[in-house]
Amino acid sequence: MSEANNNAAAAAAVSAGTPRLLPVGLSGWRWLPLAAAVIVVDYIAKAWITHHFALFEPVHLLPVLDIILTYNTGAAFSFLAEASGWQRWLFVLLALAVSSALLVWMRRLSARVHALLACGLALIVGGALGNMLDRLLTGRVVDFIHVHWGHAYFPAFNVADSAITVGAVLLLVDAWLETRAARRVRP
């Protein structure tokens, strides 16, 4: 089916008011390669770090940035890291549930109209599944990017965490832009 036919089918579904799904190539799923790239880059970076660094061995890159191998069995800011192990499966189920919901949402979006939103959702899905892969394979998440300012150290993070954060920022920017556009339409 040509792109013109896909566009016509999508326009007909929207104008008829039916909740039909857009063709895959026109939906937010167009951004799924970005999610896959996040998972692959995150996995490769973590594998390289664990192969080349000893635990807590710092390499100072900048006055505010170190690379250091750490592990986290909890969630953000080591939440539940001291639990007995059940949190591993809780976070795996949570990542699957959230990613599934976001994938359904992405499938219903128009990639052209909601590109920023779909991009942000893809980054979040890639990051969530990247960290979930760590939990499934090793029971913990590899963190290695360590930012600090003077003696104030922030929790270490990884590529997947960065993708989730950038994705969340894109969702906020998209919501802000949508709000501004809606205000311009109202008299």
N, C-alpha and C. Protein backbone atom coordinates (compact mmCIF):
# COMPACT_ATOMS: atom_id res chain seq x y z
N MET A 1 0.85 -1.19 0.00
CA MET A 1 0.00 0.00 0.00
C MET A 1 0.89 1.24 0.00
N SER A 2 0.60 2.18 -0.87
CA SER A 2 1.43 3.38 -0.97
C SER A 2 1.15 4.32 0.20
N GLU A 3 2.05 5.28 0.39
CA GLU A 3 1.87 6.23 1.49
C GLU A 3 0.63 7.08 1.28
N ALA A 4 0.32 7.42 0.02
CA ALA A 4 -0.89 8.20 -0.27
C ALA A 4 -2.13 7.42 0.14
N ASN A 5 -2.16 6.12 -0.16
CA ASN A 5 -3.30 5.29 0.23
C ASN A 5 -3.37 5.16 1.75
N ASN A 6 -2.21 5.03 2.41
CA ASN A 6 -2.19 4.97 3.88
C ASN A 6 -2.73 6.26 4.48
N ASN A 7 -2.30 7.39 3.92
CA ASN A 7 -2.77 8.68 4.42
C ASN A 7 -4.27 8.82 4.22
N ALA A 8 -4.77 8.39 3.06
CA ALA A 8 -6.20 8.47 2.78
C ALA A 8 -6.98 7.59 3.74
N ALA A 9 -6.47 6.38 4.01
CA ALA A 9 -7.15 5.47 4.94
C ALA A 9 -7.15 6.06 6.35
N ALA A 10 -6.05 6.65 6.76
CA ALA A 10 -5.97 7.25 8.09
C ALA A 10 -6.92 8.44 8.20
N ALA A 11 -6.96 9.27 7.15
CA ALA A 11 -7.85 10.43 7.16
C ALA A 11 -9.31 9.99 7.19
N ALA A 12 -9.65 8.94 6.44
CA ALA A 12 -11.03 8.44 6.43
C ALA A 12 -11.43 7.92 7.80
N ALA A 13 -10.52 7.21 8.46
CA ALA A 13 -10.82 6.67 9.80
C ALA A 13 -11.04 7.79 10.79
N VAL A 14 -10.22 8.84 10.70
CA VAL A 14 -10.35 9.96 11.63
C VAL A 14 -11.63 10.73 11.35
N SER A 15 -11.93 11.00 10.05
CA SER A 15 -13.12 11.79 9.73
C SER A 15 -14.40 11.03 10.05
N ALA A 16 -14.38 9.71 9.97
CA ALA A 16 -15.56 8.92 10.29
C ALA A 16 -15.76 8.79 11.79
N GLY A 17 -14.75 9.20 12.56
CA GLY A 17 -14.86 9.13 14.02
C GLY A 17 -14.67 7.73 14.57
N THR A 18 -14.17 6.83 13.75
CA THR A 18 -13.97 5.46 14.23
C THR A 18 -12.61 5.36 14.91
N PRO A 19 -12.52 4.53 15.92
CA PRO A 19 -11.26 4.38 16.65
C PRO A 19 -10.31 3.38 15.98
N ARG A 20 -10.25 3.38 14.65
CA ARG A 20 -9.38 2.45 13.94
C ARG A 20 -7.92 2.80 14.19
N LEU A 21 -7.11 1.76 14.16
CA LEU A 21 -5.68 1.98 14.29
C LEU A 21 -5.12 2.44 12.95
N LEU A 22 -4.15 3.32 13.04
CA LEU A 22 -3.45 3.76 11.84
C LEU A 22 -2.59 2.62 11.31
N PRO A 23 -2.27 2.64 10.04
CA PRO A 23 -1.29 1.67 9.54
C PRO A 23 0.00 1.79 10.36
N VAL A 24 0.66 0.69 10.58
CA VAL A 24 1.84 0.66 11.45
C VAL A 24 2.86 1.73 11.07
N GLY A 25 3.12 1.91 9.79
CA GLY A 25 4.11 2.88 9.35
C GLY A 25 3.73 4.33 9.63
N LEU A 26 2.46 4.57 9.86
CA LEU A 26 2.00 5.93 10.15
C LEU A 26 1.75 6.15 11.63
N SER A 27 1.80 5.09 12.40
CA SER A 27 1.53 5.19 13.84
C SER A 27 2.81 5.54 14.60
N GLY A 28 2.67 5.72 15.88
CA GLY A 28 3.82 5.99 16.74
C GLY A 28 4.83 4.86 16.75
N TRP A 29 4.41 3.70 16.26
CA TRP A 29 5.36 2.58 16.20
C TRP A 29 6.50 2.86 15.22
N ARG A 30 6.36 3.89 14.43
CA ARG A 30 7.45 4.28 13.54
C ARG A 30 8.71 4.58 14.36
N TRP A 31 8.51 4.93 15.64
CA TRP A 31 9.63 5.27 16.52
C TRP A 31 10.20 4.07 17.27
N LEU A 32 9.68 2.87 17.05
CA LEU A 32 10.19 1.70 17.76
C LEU A 32 11.67 1.40 17.49
N PRO A 33 12.20 1.68 16.30
CA PRO A 33 13.65 1.49 16.14
C PRO A 33 14.48 2.31 17.14
N LEU A 34 13.98 3.46 17.55
CA LEU A 34 14.68 4.25 18.56
C LEU A 34 14.70 3.50 19.89
N ALA A 35 13.57 2.90 20.27
CA ALA A 35 13.53 2.11 21.51
C ALA A 35 14.52 0.95 21.42
N ALA A 36 14.55 0.28 20.27
CA ALA A 36 15.48 -0.83 20.09
C ALA A 36 16.93 -0.35 20.16
N ALA A 37 17.22 0.81 19.59
CA ALA A 37 18.57 1.36 19.64
C ALA A 37 18.99 1.67 21.07
N VAL A 38 18.07 2.19 21.87
CA VAL A 38 18.37 2.47 23.28
C VAL A 38 18.72 1.17 24.00
N ILE A 39 17.95 0.13 23.77
CA ILE A 39 18.21 -1.16 24.42
C ILE A 39 19.58 -1.69 24.02
N VAL A 40 19.91 -1.64 22.73
CA VAL A 40 21.19 -2.16 22.24
C VAL A 40 22.36 -1.34 22.77
N VAL A 41 22.28 -0.02 22.68
CA VAL A 41 23.37 0.83 23.15
C VAL A 41 23.56 0.67 24.66
N ASP A 42 22.46 0.61 25.40
CA ASP A 42 22.52 0.41 26.84
C ASP A 42 23.21 -0.91 27.17
N TYR A 43 22.82 -1.98 26.48
CA TYR A 43 23.40 -3.31 26.74
C TYR A 43 24.89 -3.33 26.42
N ILE A 44 25.27 -2.76 25.28
CA ILE A 44 26.68 -2.74 24.89
C ILE A 44 27.50 -1.91 25.88
N ALA A 45 26.99 -0.75 26.28
CA ALA A 45 27.72 0.10 27.23
C ALA A 45 27.91 -0.62 28.57
N LYS A 46 26.86 -1.26 29.05
CA LYS A 46 26.95 -1.98 30.33
C LYS A 46 27.92 -3.16 30.23
N ALA A 47 27.88 -3.88 29.11
CA ALA A 47 28.79 -5.02 28.93
C ALA A 47 30.23 -4.53 28.90
N TRP A 48 30.48 -3.43 28.21
CA TRP A 48 31.84 -2.90 28.12
C TRP A 48 32.33 -2.45 29.50
N ILE A 49 31.49 -1.75 30.22
CA ILE A 49 31.87 -1.25 31.55
C ILE A 49 32.16 -2.42 32.49
N THR A 50 31.30 -3.43 32.52
CA THR A 50 31.53 -4.55 33.44
C THR A 50 32.77 -5.36 33.06
N HIS A 51 33.13 -5.34 31.78
CA HIS A 51 34.32 -6.08 31.35
C HIS A 51 35.61 -5.31 31.63
N HIS A 52 35.56 -3.98 31.60
CA HIS A 52 36.77 -3.17 31.71
C HIS A 52 36.98 -2.46 33.04
N PHE A 53 35.99 -2.49 33.93
CA PHE A 53 36.10 -1.78 35.20
C PHE A 53 35.93 -2.74 36.37
N ALA A 54 36.66 -2.47 37.43
CA ALA A 54 36.43 -3.16 38.70
C ALA A 54 35.36 -2.38 39.46
N LEU A 55 34.68 -3.05 40.36
CA LEU A 55 33.63 -2.41 41.14
C LEU A 55 34.17 -1.17 41.86
N PHE A 56 33.50 -0.06 41.72
CA PHE A 56 33.82 1.24 42.33
C PHE A 56 35.13 1.85 41.85
N GLU A 57 35.70 1.38 40.75
CA GLU A 57 36.92 1.96 40.19
C GLU A 57 36.55 3.20 39.38
N PRO A 58 36.93 4.39 39.86
CA PRO A 58 36.52 5.60 39.14
C PRO A 58 37.52 6.01 38.06
N VAL A 59 36.99 6.55 36.99
CA VAL A 59 37.78 7.22 35.97
C VAL A 59 37.19 8.62 35.85
N HIS A 60 38.01 9.60 36.13
CA HIS A 60 37.56 10.99 36.12
C HIS A 60 37.64 11.54 34.70
N LEU A 61 36.50 11.85 34.12
CA LEU A 61 36.46 12.39 32.76
C LEU A 61 36.47 13.91 32.76
N LEU A 62 35.69 14.49 33.64
CA LEU A 62 35.56 15.94 33.77
C LEU A 62 35.52 16.27 35.26
N PRO A 63 35.70 17.52 35.62
CA PRO A 63 35.61 17.87 37.04
C PRO A 63 34.26 17.52 37.67
N VAL A 64 33.23 17.31 36.85
CA VAL A 64 31.89 17.00 37.36
C VAL A 64 31.39 15.64 36.93
N LEU A 65 32.23 14.84 36.26
CA LEU A 65 31.76 13.58 35.68
C LEU A 65 32.80 12.47 35.84
N ASP A 66 32.36 11.36 36.43
CA ASP A 66 33.18 10.16 36.56
C ASP A 66 32.47 8.99 35.90
N ILE A 67 33.24 8.02 35.48
CA ILE A 67 32.71 6.72 35.07
C ILE A 67 33.13 5.74 36.15
N ILE A 68 32.16 5.03 36.71
CA ILE A 68 32.44 4.12 37.83
C ILE A 68 31.43 2.98 37.79
N LEU A 69 31.90 1.77 37.95
CA LEU A 69 31.01 0.61 37.93
C LEU A 69 30.32 0.44 39.28
N THR A 70 29.00 0.50 39.26
CA THR A 70 28.20 0.21 40.45
C THR A 70 27.02 -0.66 40.04
N TYR A 71 26.41 -1.29 41.02
CA TYR A 71 25.23 -2.12 40.78
C TYR A 71 24.10 -1.63 41.66
N ASN A 72 22.88 -1.75 41.15
CA ASN A 72 21.70 -1.33 41.90
C ASN A 72 20.65 -2.43 41.80
N THR A 73 20.29 -3.01 42.93
CA THR A 73 19.23 -4.02 42.94
C THR A 73 17.86 -3.39 43.16
N GLY A 74 17.85 -2.08 43.44
CA GLY A 74 16.59 -1.38 43.67
C GLY A 74 16.17 -0.61 42.43
N ALA A 75 15.41 0.44 42.67
CA ALA A 75 14.95 1.31 41.58
C ALA A 75 15.71 2.62 41.67
N ALA A 76 15.12 3.69 41.18
CA ALA A 76 15.77 5.00 41.21
C ALA A 76 16.18 5.36 42.62
N PHE A 77 17.37 5.94 42.74
CA PHE A 77 17.95 6.34 44.02
C PHE A 77 18.07 5.15 44.98
N SER A 78 18.25 3.94 44.42
CA SER A 78 18.40 2.69 45.18
C SER A 78 17.18 2.36 46.03
N PHE A 79 16.02 2.84 45.63
CA PHE A 79 14.77 2.52 46.33
C PHE A 79 14.57 1.02 46.36
N LEU A 80 14.38 0.45 47.52
CA LEU A 80 14.19 -0.98 47.79
C LEU A 80 15.44 -1.83 47.51
N ALA A 81 16.60 -1.22 47.44
CA ALA A 81 17.82 -1.97 47.16
C ALA A 81 18.15 -2.97 48.26
N GLU A 82 17.74 -2.70 49.47
CA GLU A 82 18.05 -3.59 50.60
C GLU A 82 16.99 -4.67 50.82
N ALA A 83 15.98 -4.73 49.96
CA ALA A 83 14.94 -5.75 50.11
C ALA A 83 15.53 -7.13 49.81
N SER A 84 14.78 -8.17 50.12
CA SER A 84 15.30 -9.54 50.08
C SER A 84 15.39 -10.16 48.70
N GLY A 85 14.99 -9.49 47.66
CA GLY A 85 15.08 -10.04 46.30
C GLY A 85 13.76 -10.01 45.55
N TRP A 86 12.67 -9.91 46.26
CA TRP A 86 11.36 -9.87 45.62
C TRP A 86 11.21 -8.65 44.72
N GLN A 87 11.96 -7.57 45.01
CA GLN A 87 11.84 -6.33 44.24
C GLN A 87 12.28 -6.53 42.79
N ARG A 88 13.17 -7.49 42.56
CA ARG A 88 13.62 -7.77 41.19
C ARG A 88 12.41 -8.07 40.30
N TRP A 89 11.55 -8.96 40.77
CA TRP A 89 10.40 -9.38 39.97
C TRP A 89 9.33 -8.31 39.94
N LEU A 90 9.21 -7.53 40.99
CA LEU A 90 8.28 -6.40 40.99
C LEU A 90 8.68 -5.41 39.90
N PHE A 91 9.97 -5.07 39.81
CA PHE A 91 10.43 -4.10 38.82
C PHE A 91 10.36 -4.67 37.41
N VAL A 92 10.56 -5.98 37.25
CA VAL A 92 10.40 -6.60 35.93
C VAL A 92 8.94 -6.50 35.48
N LEU A 93 8.02 -6.85 36.38
CA LEU A 93 6.59 -6.76 36.04
C LEU A 93 6.16 -5.32 35.78
N LEU A 94 6.68 -4.40 36.57
CA LEU A 94 6.36 -2.99 36.39
C LEU A 94 6.86 -2.50 35.03
N ALA A 95 8.08 -2.87 34.66
CA ALA A 95 8.64 -2.46 33.36
C ALA A 95 7.82 -3.04 32.22
N LEU A 96 7.39 -4.29 32.35
CA LEU A 96 6.57 -4.91 31.30
C LEU A 96 5.20 -4.23 31.20
N ALA A 97 4.59 -3.95 32.34
CA ALA A 97 3.26 -3.33 32.33
C ALA A 97 3.32 -1.92 31.75
N VAL A 98 4.27 -1.13 32.21
CA VAL A 98 4.39 0.25 31.71
C VAL A 98 4.74 0.25 30.23
N SER A 99 5.68 -0.58 29.84
CA SER A 99 6.08 -0.63 28.42
C SER A 99 4.92 -1.08 27.54
N SER A 100 4.16 -2.05 28.01
CA SER A 100 2.99 -2.51 27.23
C SER A 100 1.98 -1.39 27.06
N ALA A 101 1.69 -0.68 28.12
CA ALA A 101 0.74 0.43 28.04
C ALA A 101 1.25 1.52 27.10
N LEU A 102 2.53 1.83 27.19
CA LEU A 102 3.10 2.86 26.31
C LEU A 102 3.10 2.42 24.85
N LEU A 103 3.32 1.12 24.61
CA LEU A 103 3.29 0.61 23.24
C LEU A 103 1.88 0.70 22.65
N VAL A 104 0.87 0.42 23.45
CA VAL A 104 -0.52 0.57 22.99
C VAL A 104 -0.80 2.03 22.66
N TRP A 105 -0.36 2.92 23.53
CA TRP A 105 -0.54 4.36 23.30
C TRP A 105 0.16 4.78 22.00
N MET A 106 1.40 4.33 21.82
CA MET A 106 2.16 4.69 20.62
C MET A 106 1.46 4.20 19.36
N ARG A 107 0.87 3.01 19.43
CA ARG A 107 0.19 2.43 18.26
C ARG A 107 -0.99 3.29 17.82
N ARG A 108 -1.59 4.00 18.77
CA ARG A 108 -2.76 4.82 18.47
C ARG A 108 -2.40 6.24 18.05
N LEU A 109 -1.15 6.61 18.13
CA LEU A 109 -0.71 7.96 17.76
C LEU A 109 -0.38 8.04 16.28
N SER A 110 -0.58 9.20 15.72
CA SER A 110 -0.10 9.48 14.38
C SER A 110 1.36 9.91 14.49
N ALA A 111 2.24 9.20 13.81
CA ALA A 111 3.68 9.52 13.89
C ALA A 111 3.96 10.93 13.38
N ARG A 112 3.19 11.38 12.43
CA ARG A 112 3.42 12.70 11.85
C ARG A 112 2.92 13.81 12.78
N VAL A 113 1.74 13.63 13.34
CA VAL A 113 1.12 14.66 14.18
C VAL A 113 1.74 14.68 15.57
N HIS A 114 2.06 13.51 16.09
CA HIS A 114 2.55 13.40 17.47
C HIS A 114 3.99 12.85 17.53
N ALA A 115 4.84 13.35 16.66
CA ALA A 115 6.21 12.85 16.57
C ALA A 115 6.98 13.02 17.89
N LEU A 116 6.87 14.19 18.50
CA LEU A 116 7.60 14.44 19.74
C LEU A 116 7.13 13.52 20.86
N LEU A 117 5.83 13.35 20.97
CA LEU A 117 5.26 12.45 21.98
C LEU A 117 5.68 11.01 21.73
N ALA A 118 5.58 10.56 20.49
CA ALA A 118 5.97 9.18 20.15
C ALA A 118 7.46 8.95 20.39
N CYS A 119 8.28 9.94 20.09
CA CYS A 119 9.72 9.84 20.34
C CYS A 119 9.99 9.70 21.83
N GLY A 120 9.34 10.53 22.64
CA GLY A 120 9.51 10.45 24.09
C GLY A 120 9.07 9.11 24.64
N LEU A 121 7.94 8.61 24.17
CA LEU A 121 7.45 7.31 24.63
C LEU A 121 8.41 6.19 24.23
N ALA A 122 8.96 6.27 23.02
CA ALA A 122 9.93 5.26 22.56
C ALA A 122 11.17 5.26 23.44
N LEU A 123 11.65 6.44 23.83
CA LEU A 123 12.82 6.51 24.71
C LEU A 123 12.52 5.89 26.08
N ILE A 124 11.33 6.15 26.60
CA ILE A 124 10.96 5.57 27.90
C ILE A 124 10.85 4.06 27.80
N VAL A 125 10.22 3.56 26.75
CA VAL A 125 10.10 2.11 26.56
C VAL A 125 11.48 1.48 26.44
N GLY A 126 12.36 2.07 25.62
CA GLY A 126 13.71 1.52 25.47
C GLY A 126 14.47 1.50 26.77
N GLY A 127 14.37 2.58 27.55
CA GLY A 127 15.06 2.63 28.83
C GLY A 127 14.50 1.63 29.83
N ALA A 128 13.18 1.53 29.90
CA ALA A 128 12.56 0.59 30.84
C ALA A 128 12.93 -0.85 30.49
N LEU A 129 12.90 -1.18 29.21
CA LEU A 129 13.24 -2.55 28.80
C LEU A 129 14.74 -2.81 28.92
N GLY A 130 15.56 -1.78 28.73
CA GLY A 130 17.01 -1.95 28.92
C GLY A 130 17.34 -2.31 30.35
N ASN A 131 16.76 -1.61 31.30
CA ASN A 131 17.01 -1.93 32.71
C ASN A 131 16.35 -3.24 33.10
N MET A 132 15.19 -3.55 32.50
CA MET A 132 14.54 -4.83 32.78
C MET A 132 15.42 -5.99 32.32
N LEU A 133 16.07 -5.83 31.19
CA LEU A 133 16.97 -6.87 30.69
C LEU A 133 18.08 -7.15 31.71
N ASP A 134 18.65 -6.10 32.28
CA ASP A 134 19.65 -6.26 33.35
C ASP A 134 19.10 -7.07 34.52
N ARG A 135 17.90 -6.71 34.96
CA ARG A 135 17.29 -7.40 36.10
C ARG A 135 17.06 -8.87 35.80
N LEU A 136 16.63 -9.16 34.57
CA LEU A 136 16.40 -10.56 34.21
C LEU A 136 17.70 -11.35 34.12
N LEU A 137 18.74 -10.75 33.56
CA LEU A 137 19.99 -11.47 33.34
C LEU A 137 20.85 -11.58 34.60
N THR A 138 20.88 -10.52 35.41
CA THR A 138 21.81 -10.52 36.55
C THR A 138 21.15 -10.24 37.89
N GLY A 139 19.88 -9.83 37.89
CA GLY A 139 19.21 -9.51 39.14
C GLY A 139 19.51 -8.12 39.66
N ARG A 140 20.25 -7.34 38.89
CA ARG A 140 20.61 -5.98 39.30
C ARG A 140 20.88 -5.15 38.05
N VAL A 141 20.89 -3.84 38.23
CA VAL A 141 21.12 -2.93 37.12
C VAL A 141 22.53 -2.37 37.23
N VAL A 142 23.23 -2.34 36.11
CA VAL A 142 24.56 -1.75 36.05
C VAL A 142 24.42 -0.24 35.87
N ASP A 143 25.03 0.51 36.77
CA ASP A 143 25.09 1.97 36.66
C ASP A 143 26.55 2.37 36.56
N PHE A 144 26.83 3.43 35.79
CA PHE A 144 28.24 3.78 35.61
C PHE A 144 28.50 5.27 35.37
N ILE A 145 27.49 6.05 35.11
CA ILE A 145 27.69 7.49 34.89
C ILE A 145 27.47 8.18 36.24
N HIS A 146 28.50 8.86 36.71
CA HIS A 146 28.44 9.45 38.05
C HIS A 146 28.74 10.94 37.97
N VAL A 147 27.71 11.73 38.20
CA VAL A 147 27.82 13.19 38.13
C VAL A 147 27.93 13.74 39.54
N HIS A 148 28.78 14.76 39.70
CA HIS A 148 28.93 15.37 41.02
C HIS A 148 29.26 16.85 40.85
N TRP A 149 29.00 17.59 41.88
CA TRP A 149 29.33 19.01 41.93
C TRP A 149 30.02 19.25 43.26
N GLY A 150 31.31 19.47 43.22
CA GLY A 150 32.06 19.59 44.46
C GLY A 150 31.98 18.28 45.23
N HIS A 151 31.47 18.37 46.46
CA HIS A 151 31.31 17.16 47.26
C HIS A 151 29.89 16.63 47.24
N ALA A 152 29.04 17.18 46.40
CA ALA A 152 27.67 16.69 46.25
C ALA A 152 27.64 15.67 45.12
N TYR A 153 27.43 14.41 45.46
CA TYR A 153 27.40 13.34 44.48
C TYR A 153 25.96 12.89 44.24
N PHE A 154 25.61 12.76 42.98
CA PHE A 154 24.29 12.29 42.60
C PHE A 154 24.36 10.79 42.35
N PRO A 155 23.25 10.07 42.48
CA PRO A 155 23.29 8.62 42.24
C PRO A 155 23.77 8.31 40.82
N ALA A 156 24.55 7.25 40.70
CA ALA A 156 25.04 6.82 39.38
C ALA A 156 23.85 6.36 38.53
N PHE A 157 24.00 6.49 37.23
CA PHE A 157 22.94 6.08 36.31
C PHE A 157 23.55 5.49 35.06
N ASN A 158 22.73 5.16 34.07
CA ASN A 158 23.20 4.49 32.87
C ASN A 158 22.49 5.05 31.63
N VAL A 159 22.72 4.45 30.48
CA VAL A 159 22.11 4.91 29.23
C VAL A 159 20.60 4.78 29.29
N ALA A 160 20.10 3.66 29.84
CA ALA A 160 18.65 3.45 29.93
C ALA A 160 18.00 4.52 30.79
N ASP A 161 18.61 4.83 31.93
CA ASP A 161 18.08 5.88 32.80
C ASP A 161 18.06 7.22 32.07
N SER A 162 19.11 7.50 31.31
CA SER A 162 19.17 8.75 30.55
C SER A 162 18.05 8.82 29.51
N ALA A 163 17.79 7.69 28.84
CA ALA A 163 16.73 7.66 27.84
C ALA A 163 15.36 7.90 28.49
N ILE A 164 15.14 7.31 29.66
CA ILE A 164 13.88 7.52 30.38
C ILE A 164 13.73 9.00 30.74
N THR A 165 14.80 9.61 31.22
CA THR A 165 14.75 11.02 31.62
C THR A 165 14.49 11.93 30.42
N VAL A 166 15.23 11.71 29.33
CA VAL A 166 15.02 12.52 28.13
C VAL A 166 13.61 12.30 27.59
N GLY A 167 13.14 11.07 27.61
CA GLY A 167 11.78 10.78 27.16
C GLY A 167 10.74 11.51 27.99
N ALA A 168 10.92 11.52 29.31
CA ALA A 168 9.98 12.23 30.18
C ALA A 168 10.00 13.73 29.90
N VAL A 169 11.18 14.28 29.64
CA VAL A 169 11.27 15.71 29.30
C VAL A 169 10.55 15.98 27.98
N LEU A 170 10.69 15.10 27.02
CA LEU A 170 9.98 15.27 25.75
C LEU A 170 8.47 15.22 25.93
N LEU A 171 7.99 14.36 26.82
CA LEU A 171 6.55 14.32 27.11
C LEU A 171 6.09 15.64 27.71
N LEU A 172 6.88 16.20 28.61
CA LEU A 172 6.53 17.49 29.20
C LEU A 172 6.54 18.61 28.15
N VAL A 173 7.55 18.62 27.29
CA VAL A 173 7.62 19.63 26.24
C VAL A 173 6.42 19.48 25.30
N ASP A 174 6.08 18.24 24.94
CA ASP A 174 4.93 18.01 24.07
C ASP A 174 3.65 18.51 24.72
N ALA A 175 3.46 18.24 26.00
CA ALA A 175 2.26 18.72 26.70
C ALA A 175 2.23 20.25 26.73
N TRP A 176 3.36 20.86 26.95
CA TRP A 176 3.44 22.33 26.97
C TRP A 176 3.09 22.90 25.59
N LEU A 177 3.65 22.30 24.54
CA LEU A 177 3.36 22.77 23.18
C LEU A 177 1.88 22.58 22.83
N GLU A 178 1.31 21.45 23.24
CA GLU A 178 -0.12 21.20 22.99
C GLU A 178 -0.98 22.23 23.71
N THR A 179 -0.62 22.57 24.93
CA THR A 179 -1.37 23.56 25.70
C THR A 179 -1.29 24.93 25.03
N ARG A 180 -0.10 25.29 24.58
CA ARG A 180 0.06 26.58 23.88
C ARG A 180 -0.75 26.60 22.59
N ALA A 181 -0.75 25.50 21.85
CA ALA A 181 -1.50 25.44 20.60
C ALA A 181 -3.00 25.52 20.87
N ALA A 182 -3.46 24.88 21.92
CA ALA A 182 -4.89 24.93 22.27
C ALA A 182 -5.30 26.33 22.68
N ARG A 183 -4.44 27.05 23.35
CA ARG A 183 -4.75 28.44 23.76
C ARG A 183 -4.86 29.36 22.54
N ARG A 184 -4.04 29.10 21.52
CA ARG A 184 -4.08 29.93 20.32
C ARG A 184 -5.37 29.70 19.53
N VAL A 185 -5.91 28.48 19.60
CA VAL A 185 -7.13 28.15 18.85
C VAL A 185 -8.35 28.81 19.50
N ARG A 186 -8.38 28.86 20.82
CA ARG A 186 -9.53 29.48 21.53
C ARG A 186 -9.54 30.98 21.29
N PRO A 187 -10.73 31.55 21.06
CA PRO A 187 -10.81 33.02 20.85
C PRO A 187 -10.58 33.80 22.11
